[in-house]
Amino acid sequence: PEMTEMSIDEILNGIPGSDYQGLIALVRDYLRGQDDVEADTMCTLSNYWQLLSQRASGKLKTNARWIRDFVTSHSSYKHDSVVSEEAVYDLLVAIDQIQKGVRKDPSLFVKAEK
């Protein structure tokens, strides 16, 4: 069997101009062919697939990328690989606010389809 090195984007979203459609499309097409998958379930899954697809392609930030960007852009960070208590505190506050819906960051989430 032939093996090809692929990025996570190519694995999940496929390779343009090739026969490989990507894992997300493969699973989506399989589930569409099943009689016992409800429309609500497919809608929910579609939102997750869109999130995975956009994070894999770099259109949305992963949690790790968002945290790195937050720390490196913090006013107390001196680009010496030392994360101050102030930066850690502000990071935890920001994460808590995002989790509670108080802080919106469009670089992390896809707008859910209704």
C-alpha atoms as a PDB file:
ATOM      1  CA  PRO A   1       0.000   0.000   0.000  1.00  0.00           C
ATOM      2  CA  GLU A   2       1.102   3.525  -0.789  1.00  0.00           C
ATOM      3  CA  MET A   3       1.535   5.903   2.142  1.00  0.00           C
ATOM      4  CA  THR A   4       1.381   9.662   1.963  1.00  0.00           C
ATOM      5  CA  GLU A   5       2.381  12.106   4.660  1.00  0.00           C
ATOM      6  CA  MET A   6      -0.505  14.486   5.377  1.00  0.00           C
ATOM      7  CA  SER A   7      -1.194  17.395   7.704  1.00  0.00           C
ATOM      8  CA  ILE A   8      -4.102  17.243  10.148  1.00  0.00           C
ATOM      9  CA  ASP A   9      -5.917  19.627   7.786  1.00  0.00           C
ATOM     10  CA  GLU A  10      -5.499  17.192   4.882  1.00  0.00           C
ATOM     11  CA  ILE A  11      -6.495  14.201   7.024  1.00  0.00           C
ATOM     12  CA  LEU A  12      -9.719  15.833   8.200  1.00  0.00           C
ATOM     13  CA  ASN A  13     -10.615  18.061   5.223  1.00  0.00           C
ATOM     14  CA  GLY A  14      -9.150  16.162   2.291  1.00  0.00           C
ATOM     15  CA  ILE A  15      -6.637  17.042  -0.378  1.00  0.00           C
ATOM     16  CA  PRO A  16      -7.883  19.412  -3.099  1.00  0.00           C
ATOM     17  CA  GLY A  17      -7.527  17.942  -6.565  1.00  0.00           C
ATOM     18  CA  SER A  18      -7.212  14.364  -5.313  1.00  0.00           C
ATOM     19  CA  ASP A  19      -9.558  11.447  -4.716  1.00  0.00           C
ATOM     20  CA  TYR A  20      -9.097  11.736  -0.938  1.00  0.00           C
ATOM     21  CA  GLN A  21     -12.122  13.610   0.414  1.00  0.00           C
ATOM     22  CA  GLY A  22     -11.077  13.715   4.065  1.00  0.00           C
ATOM     23  CA  LEU A  23     -12.201  11.959   7.208  1.00  0.00           C
ATOM     24  CA  ILE A  24     -14.972  14.441   8.017  1.00  0.00           C
ATOM     25  CA  ALA A  25     -16.616  14.005   4.618  1.00  0.00           C
ATOM     26  CA  LEU A  26     -16.227  10.228   4.855  1.00  0.00           C
ATOM     27  CA  VAL A  27     -17.980  10.046   8.235  1.00  0.00           C
ATOM     28  CA  ARG A  28     -20.646  12.584   7.179  1.00  0.00           C
ATOM     29  CA  ASP A  29     -21.461  10.625   4.012  1.00  0.00           C
ATOM     30  CA  TYR A  30     -21.581   7.351   5.947  1.00  0.00           C
ATOM     31  CA  LEU A  31     -24.000   8.736   8.536  1.00  0.00           C
ATOM     32  CA  ARG A  32     -26.201  10.311   5.852  1.00  0.00           C
ATOM     33  CA  GLY A  33     -26.654   6.817   4.443  1.00  0.00           C
ATOM     34  CA  GLN A  34     -27.925   5.470   7.775  1.00  0.00           C
ATOM     35  CA  ASP A  35     -31.666   5.405   8.361  1.00  0.00           C
ATOM     36  CA  ASP A  36     -31.511   5.755  12.146  1.00  0.00           C
ATOM     37  CA  VAL A  37     -29.655   9.088  12.432  1.00  0.00           C
ATOM     38  CA  GLU A  38     -32.071  11.895  13.292  1.00  0.00           C
ATOM     39  CA  ALA A  39     -31.902  15.331  11.660  1.00  0.00           C
ATOM     40  CA  ASP A  40     -31.192  17.018  15.022  1.00  0.00           C
ATOM     41  CA  THR A  41     -28.240  14.692  15.568  1.00  0.00           C
ATOM     42  CA  MET A  42     -26.855  15.438  12.103  1.00  0.00           C
ATOM     43  CA  CYS A  43     -27.225  19.177  12.750  1.00  0.00           C
ATOM     44  CA  THR A  44     -25.324  18.899  16.030  1.00  0.00           C
ATOM     45  CA  LEU A  45     -22.629  16.779  14.409  1.00  0.00           C
ATOM     46  CA  SER A  46     -22.386  19.233  11.532  1.00  0.00           C
ATOM     47  CA  ASN A  47     -21.519  22.018  13.987  1.00  0.00           C
ATOM     48  CA  TYR A  48     -18.779  19.861  15.540  1.00  0.00           C
ATOM     49  CA  TRP A  49     -17.424  18.900  12.109  1.00  0.00           C
ATOM     50  CA  GLN A  50     -17.296  22.564  11.130  1.00  0.00           C
ATOM     51  CA  LEU A  51     -15.377  23.377  14.332  1.00  0.00           C
ATOM     52  CA  LEU A  52     -12.906  20.531  13.752  1.00  0.00           C
ATOM     53  CA  SER A  53     -12.508  21.432  10.086  1.00  0.00           C
ATOM     54  CA  GLN A  54     -11.814  25.096  10.762  1.00  0.00           C
ATOM     55  CA  ARG A  55      -9.419  24.388  13.621  1.00  0.00           C
ATOM     56  CA  ALA A  56      -7.518  21.861  11.506  1.00  0.00           C
ATOM     57  CA  SER A  57      -7.254  24.335   8.619  1.00  0.00           C
ATOM     58  CA  GLY A  58      -6.140  27.191  10.865  1.00  0.00           C
ATOM     59  CA  LYS A  59      -9.255  29.315  10.218  1.00  0.00           C
ATOM     60  CA  LEU A  60     -10.024  29.065  13.939  1.00  0.00           C
ATOM     61  CA  LYS A  61      -7.502  28.949  16.756  1.00  0.00           C
ATOM     62  CA  THR A  62      -7.033  25.832  18.823  1.00  0.00           C
ATOM     63  CA  ASN A  63      -7.173  26.301  22.591  1.00  0.00           C
ATOM     64  CA  ALA A  64      -3.387  25.896  22.745  1.00  0.00           C
ATOM     65  CA  ARG A  65      -2.800  28.562  20.065  1.00  0.00           C
ATOM     66  CA  TRP A  66      -5.181  30.949  21.833  1.00  0.00           C
ATOM     67  CA  ILE A  67      -3.365  30.451  25.170  1.00  0.00           C
ATOM     68  CA  ARG A  68       0.063  30.978  23.555  1.00  0.00           C
ATOM     69  CA  ASP A  69      -1.151  34.138  21.844  1.00  0.00           C
ATOM     70  CA  PHE A  70      -2.719  35.423  25.069  1.00  0.00           C
ATOM     71  CA  VAL A  71       0.467  34.888  27.082  1.00  0.00           C
ATOM     72  CA  THR A  72       2.876  36.252  24.473  1.00  0.00           C
ATOM     73  CA  SER A  73       0.773  39.391  23.996  1.00  0.00           C
ATOM     74  CA  HIS A  74       0.307  40.000  27.733  1.00  0.00           C
ATOM     75  CA  SER A  75       1.876  43.239  28.968  1.00  0.00           C
ATOM     76  CA  SER A  76       3.879  41.447  31.681  1.00  0.00           C
ATOM     77  CA  TYR A  77       5.418  38.860  29.339  1.00  0.00           C
ATOM     78  CA  LYS A  78       9.075  39.633  28.580  1.00  0.00           C
ATOM     79  CA  HIS A  79       9.600  36.972  25.864  1.00  0.00           C
ATOM     80  CA  ASP A  80      11.904  35.012  28.162  1.00  0.00           C
ATOM     81  CA  SER A  81       9.667  31.911  28.522  1.00  0.00           C
ATOM     82  CA  VAL A  82       8.728  32.951  32.069  1.00  0.00           C
ATOM     83  CA  VAL A  83       4.998  33.427  32.568  1.00  0.00           C
ATOM     84  CA  SER A  84       4.302  35.835  35.416  1.00  0.00           C
ATOM     85  CA  GLU A  85       1.651  35.301  38.072  1.00  0.00           C
ATOM     86  CA  GLU A  86      -0.160  38.326  36.654  1.00  0.00           C
ATOM     87  CA  ALA A  87      -0.337  36.754  33.180  1.00  0.00           C
ATOM     88  CA  VAL A  88      -1.486  33.423  34.599  1.00  0.00           C
ATOM     89  CA  TYR A  89      -4.180  35.135  36.663  1.00  0.00           C
ATOM     90  CA  ASP A  90      -5.400  37.166  33.683  1.00  0.00           C
ATOM     91  CA  LEU A  91      -5.391  34.013  31.528  1.00  0.00           C
ATOM     92  CA  LEU A  92      -7.512  32.107  34.053  1.00  0.00           C
ATOM     93  CA  VAL A  93      -9.935  35.027  34.341  1.00  0.00           C
ATOM     94  CA  ALA A  94     -10.236  35.177  30.544  1.00  0.00           C
ATOM     95  CA  ILE A  95     -10.838  31.420  30.283  1.00  0.00           C
ATOM     96  CA  ASP A  96     -13.486  31.608  33.037  1.00  0.00           C
ATOM     97  CA  GLN A  97     -15.208  34.495  31.242  1.00  0.00           C
ATOM     98  CA  ILE A  98     -15.220  32.595  27.939  1.00  0.00           C
ATOM     99  CA  GLN A  99     -16.626  29.496  29.633  1.00  0.00           C
ATOM    100  CA  LYS A 100     -19.396  31.567  31.236  1.00  0.00           C
ATOM    101  CA  GLY A 101     -20.195  33.352  27.970  1.00  0.00           C
ATOM    102  CA  VAL A 102     -19.208  36.761  29.350  1.00  0.00           C
ATOM    103  CA  ARG A 103     -16.249  37.110  27.016  1.00  0.00           C
ATOM    104  CA  LYS A 104     -16.707  36.406  23.309  1.00  0.00           C
ATOM    105  CA  ASP A 105     -13.748  35.452  21.156  1.00  0.00           C
ATOM    106  CA  PRO A 106     -14.688  34.713  17.538  1.00  0.00           C
ATOM    107  CA  SER A 107     -11.230  33.247  16.877  1.00  0.00           C
ATOM    108  CA  LEU A 108     -12.185  30.193  18.964  1.00  0.00           C
ATOM    109  CA  PHE A 109     -15.709  29.262  17.929  1.00  0.00           C
ATOM    110  CA  VAL A 110     -17.868  28.709  14.867  1.00  0.00           C
ATOM    111  CA  LYS A 111     -21.278  30.335  14.855  1.00  0.00           C
ATOM    112  CA  ALA A 112     -23.681  27.471  15.489  1.00  0.00           C
ATOM    113  CA  GLU A 113     -26.163  26.781  12.721  1.00  0.00           C
ATOM    114  CA  LYS A 114     -29.766  26.651  13.836  1.00  0.00           C
END
